[in-house]
């Protein structure tokens, strides 16, 4: 079960601006901790090449999964929400 999601975003990224409130609302509804990190706050050697990018934390194993937004459709729990969103916006 996902316990926390961190969104890495760029100020100039339109998709980031669109997805941020969607993720915030979804996480609130599902009782998942949500936070945002700006591109400028990420050290250059750790910055992802694409934004938005998400880090998912597992409650039990404390595992991390880092995904660009386009890969969210592969996760069953988020599949319906993001497949619909991406079909309409990307």
C-alpha atoms as a PDB file:
ATOM      1  CA  UNK A   1       0.000   0.000   0.000  1.00  0.00           C
ATOM      2  CA  UNK A   2       1.307   3.444  -0.862  1.00  0.00           C
ATOM      3  CA  UNK A   3       1.768   5.589   2.226  1.00  0.00           C
ATOM      4  CA  UNK A   4       3.310   8.704   0.714  1.00  0.00           C
ATOM      5  CA  UNK A   5       3.735  10.397  -2.668  1.00  0.00           C
ATOM      6  CA  UNK A   6       6.217  13.141  -3.447  1.00  0.00           C
ATOM      7  CA  UNK A   7       5.802  15.138  -6.631  1.00  0.00           C
ATOM      8  CA  UNK A   8       8.902  16.725  -8.153  1.00  0.00           C
ATOM      9  CA  UNK A   9       7.903  19.636 -10.337  1.00  0.00           C
ATOM     10  CA  UNK A  10       9.252  22.515 -12.366  1.00  0.00           C
ATOM     11  CA  UNK A  11       7.769  26.009 -12.082  1.00  0.00           C
ATOM     12  CA  UNK A  12       7.585  26.297 -15.888  1.00  0.00           C
ATOM     13  CA  UNK A  13       5.891  22.913 -16.376  1.00  0.00           C
ATOM     14  CA  UNK A  14       2.240  23.129 -17.469  1.00  0.00           C
ATOM     15  CA  UNK A  15       1.574  19.447 -16.725  1.00  0.00           C
ATOM     16  CA  UNK A  16       2.953  19.989 -13.220  1.00  0.00           C
ATOM     17  CA  UNK A  17       0.527  22.859 -12.637  1.00  0.00           C
ATOM     18  CA  UNK A  18      -2.368  20.710 -13.866  1.00  0.00           C
ATOM     19  CA  UNK A  19      -1.450  17.532 -11.953  1.00  0.00           C
ATOM     20  CA  UNK A  20      -0.586  19.138  -8.608  1.00  0.00           C
ATOM     21  CA  UNK A  21      -4.181  19.893  -7.505  1.00  0.00           C
ATOM     22  CA  UNK A  22      -5.389  16.563  -8.930  1.00  0.00           C
ATOM     23  CA  UNK A  23      -2.788  14.662  -6.889  1.00  0.00           C
ATOM     24  CA  UNK A  24      -3.443  16.735  -3.788  1.00  0.00           C
ATOM     25  CA  UNK A  25      -7.168  16.008  -3.941  1.00  0.00           C
ATOM     26  CA  UNK A  26      -6.628  12.311  -4.685  1.00  0.00           C
ATOM     27  CA  UNK A  27      -4.146  11.862  -1.834  1.00  0.00           C
ATOM     28  CA  UNK A  28      -6.426  13.649   0.598  1.00  0.00           C
ATOM     29  CA  UNK A  29      -9.307  11.362  -0.403  1.00  0.00           C
ATOM     30  CA  UNK A  30      -7.165   8.221  -0.076  1.00  0.00           C
ATOM     31  CA  UNK A  31      -5.407   9.387   3.142  1.00  0.00           C
ATOM     32  CA  UNK A  32      -1.993   9.324   1.483  1.00  0.00           C
ATOM     33  CA  UNK A  33       0.656  11.810   2.570  1.00  0.00           C
ATOM     34  CA  UNK A  34       1.462  14.202  -0.292  1.00  0.00           C
ATOM     35  CA  UNK A  35       4.227  16.728  -0.710  1.00  0.00           C
ATOM     36  CA  UNK A  36       5.826  18.720  -3.507  1.00  0.00           C
ATOM     37  CA  UNK A  37       9.498  19.432  -4.186  1.00  0.00           C
ATOM     38  CA  UNK A  38      10.466  22.159  -6.641  1.00  0.00           C
ATOM     39  CA  UNK A  39      13.111  21.430  -9.300  1.00  0.00           C
ATOM     40  CA  UNK A  40      15.337  24.163  -7.877  1.00  0.00           C
ATOM     41  CA  UNK A  41      15.420  22.393  -4.494  1.00  0.00           C
ATOM     42  CA  UNK A  42      16.714  19.126  -5.979  1.00  0.00           C
ATOM     43  CA  UNK A  43      20.515  18.779  -6.314  1.00  0.00           C
ATOM     44  CA  UNK A  44      21.559  18.794  -9.974  1.00  0.00           C
ATOM     45  CA  UNK A  45      22.939  15.227  -9.859  1.00  0.00           C
ATOM     46  CA  UNK A  46      19.602  13.900  -8.531  1.00  0.00           C
ATOM     47  CA  UNK A  47      17.209  15.849 -10.784  1.00  0.00           C
ATOM     48  CA  UNK A  48      15.012  13.771 -13.061  1.00  0.00           C
ATOM     49  CA  UNK A  49      15.103  14.602 -16.751  1.00  0.00           C
ATOM     50  CA  UNK A  50      11.323  14.890 -17.065  1.00  0.00           C
ATOM     51  CA  UNK A  51       8.766  16.708 -14.966  1.00  0.00           C
ATOM     52  CA  UNK A  52       6.490  16.027 -13.262  1.00  0.00           C
ATOM     53  CA  UNK A  53       8.072  13.033 -11.608  1.00  0.00           C
ATOM     54  CA  UNK A  54       6.724  11.125  -8.615  1.00  0.00           C
ATOM     55  CA  UNK A  55       8.315   9.189  -5.779  1.00  0.00           C
ATOM     56  CA  UNK A  56       6.028   6.585  -4.215  1.00  0.00           C
ATOM     57  CA  UNK A  57       6.768   5.208  -0.764  1.00  0.00           C
ATOM     58  CA  UNK A  58       5.480   1.817   0.331  1.00  0.00           C
ATOM     59  CA  UNK A  59       4.114   1.573   3.860  1.00  0.00           C
ATOM     60  CA  UNK A  60       5.516  -1.864   4.630  1.00  0.00           C
ATOM     61  CA  UNK A  61       8.876  -2.133   2.923  1.00  0.00           C
ATOM     62  CA  UNK A  62       9.664   1.589   2.781  1.00  0.00           C
ATOM     63  CA  UNK A  63      10.481   0.971  -0.879  1.00  0.00           C
ATOM     64  CA  UNK A  64      10.652   3.829  -3.339  1.00  0.00           C
ATOM     65  CA  UNK A  65       9.484   3.939  -6.907  1.00  0.00           C
ATOM     66  CA  UNK A  66      10.363   6.951  -9.036  1.00  0.00           C
ATOM     67  CA  UNK A  67       8.170   7.526 -12.072  1.00  0.00           C
ATOM     68  CA  UNK A  68       7.621  10.222 -14.653  1.00  0.00           C
ATOM     69  CA  UNK A  69       3.936  11.138 -14.903  1.00  0.00           C
ATOM     70  CA  UNK A  70       3.442   9.130 -18.107  1.00  0.00           C
ATOM     71  CA  UNK A  71       4.301   5.890 -16.298  1.00  0.00           C
ATOM     72  CA  UNK A  72       1.564   6.265 -13.664  1.00  0.00           C
ATOM     73  CA  UNK A  73      -0.904   4.512 -15.955  1.00  0.00           C
ATOM     74  CA  UNK A  74       1.011   1.279 -15.335  1.00  0.00           C
ATOM     75  CA  UNK A  75       0.102   1.283 -11.656  1.00  0.00           C
ATOM     76  CA  UNK A  76      -3.293  -0.317 -11.128  1.00  0.00           C
ATOM     77  CA  UNK A  77      -4.327   1.842  -8.173  1.00  0.00           C
ATOM     78  CA  UNK A  78      -3.793   5.048 -10.154  1.00  0.00           C
ATOM     79  CA  UNK A  79      -4.626   3.561 -13.531  1.00  0.00           C
ATOM     80  CA  UNK A  80      -8.173   4.810 -14.018  1.00  0.00           C
ATOM     81  CA  UNK A  81      -7.518   8.300 -12.685  1.00  0.00           C
ATOM     82  CA  UNK A  82      -4.372   8.934 -14.702  1.00  0.00           C
ATOM     83  CA  UNK A  83      -5.313   7.061 -17.868  1.00  0.00           C
ATOM     84  CA  UNK A  84      -8.417   9.226 -18.187  1.00  0.00           C
ATOM     85  CA  UNK A  85      -6.496  12.364 -17.259  1.00  0.00           C
ATOM     86  CA  UNK A  86      -3.669  11.693 -19.698  1.00  0.00           C
ATOM     87  CA  UNK A  87      -5.962  10.774 -22.570  1.00  0.00           C
ATOM     88  CA  UNK A  88      -7.702  14.119 -22.178  1.00  0.00           C
ATOM     89  CA  UNK A  89      -4.645  16.301 -21.521  1.00  0.00           C
ATOM     90  CA  UNK A  90      -1.525  14.778 -23.169  1.00  0.00           C
END
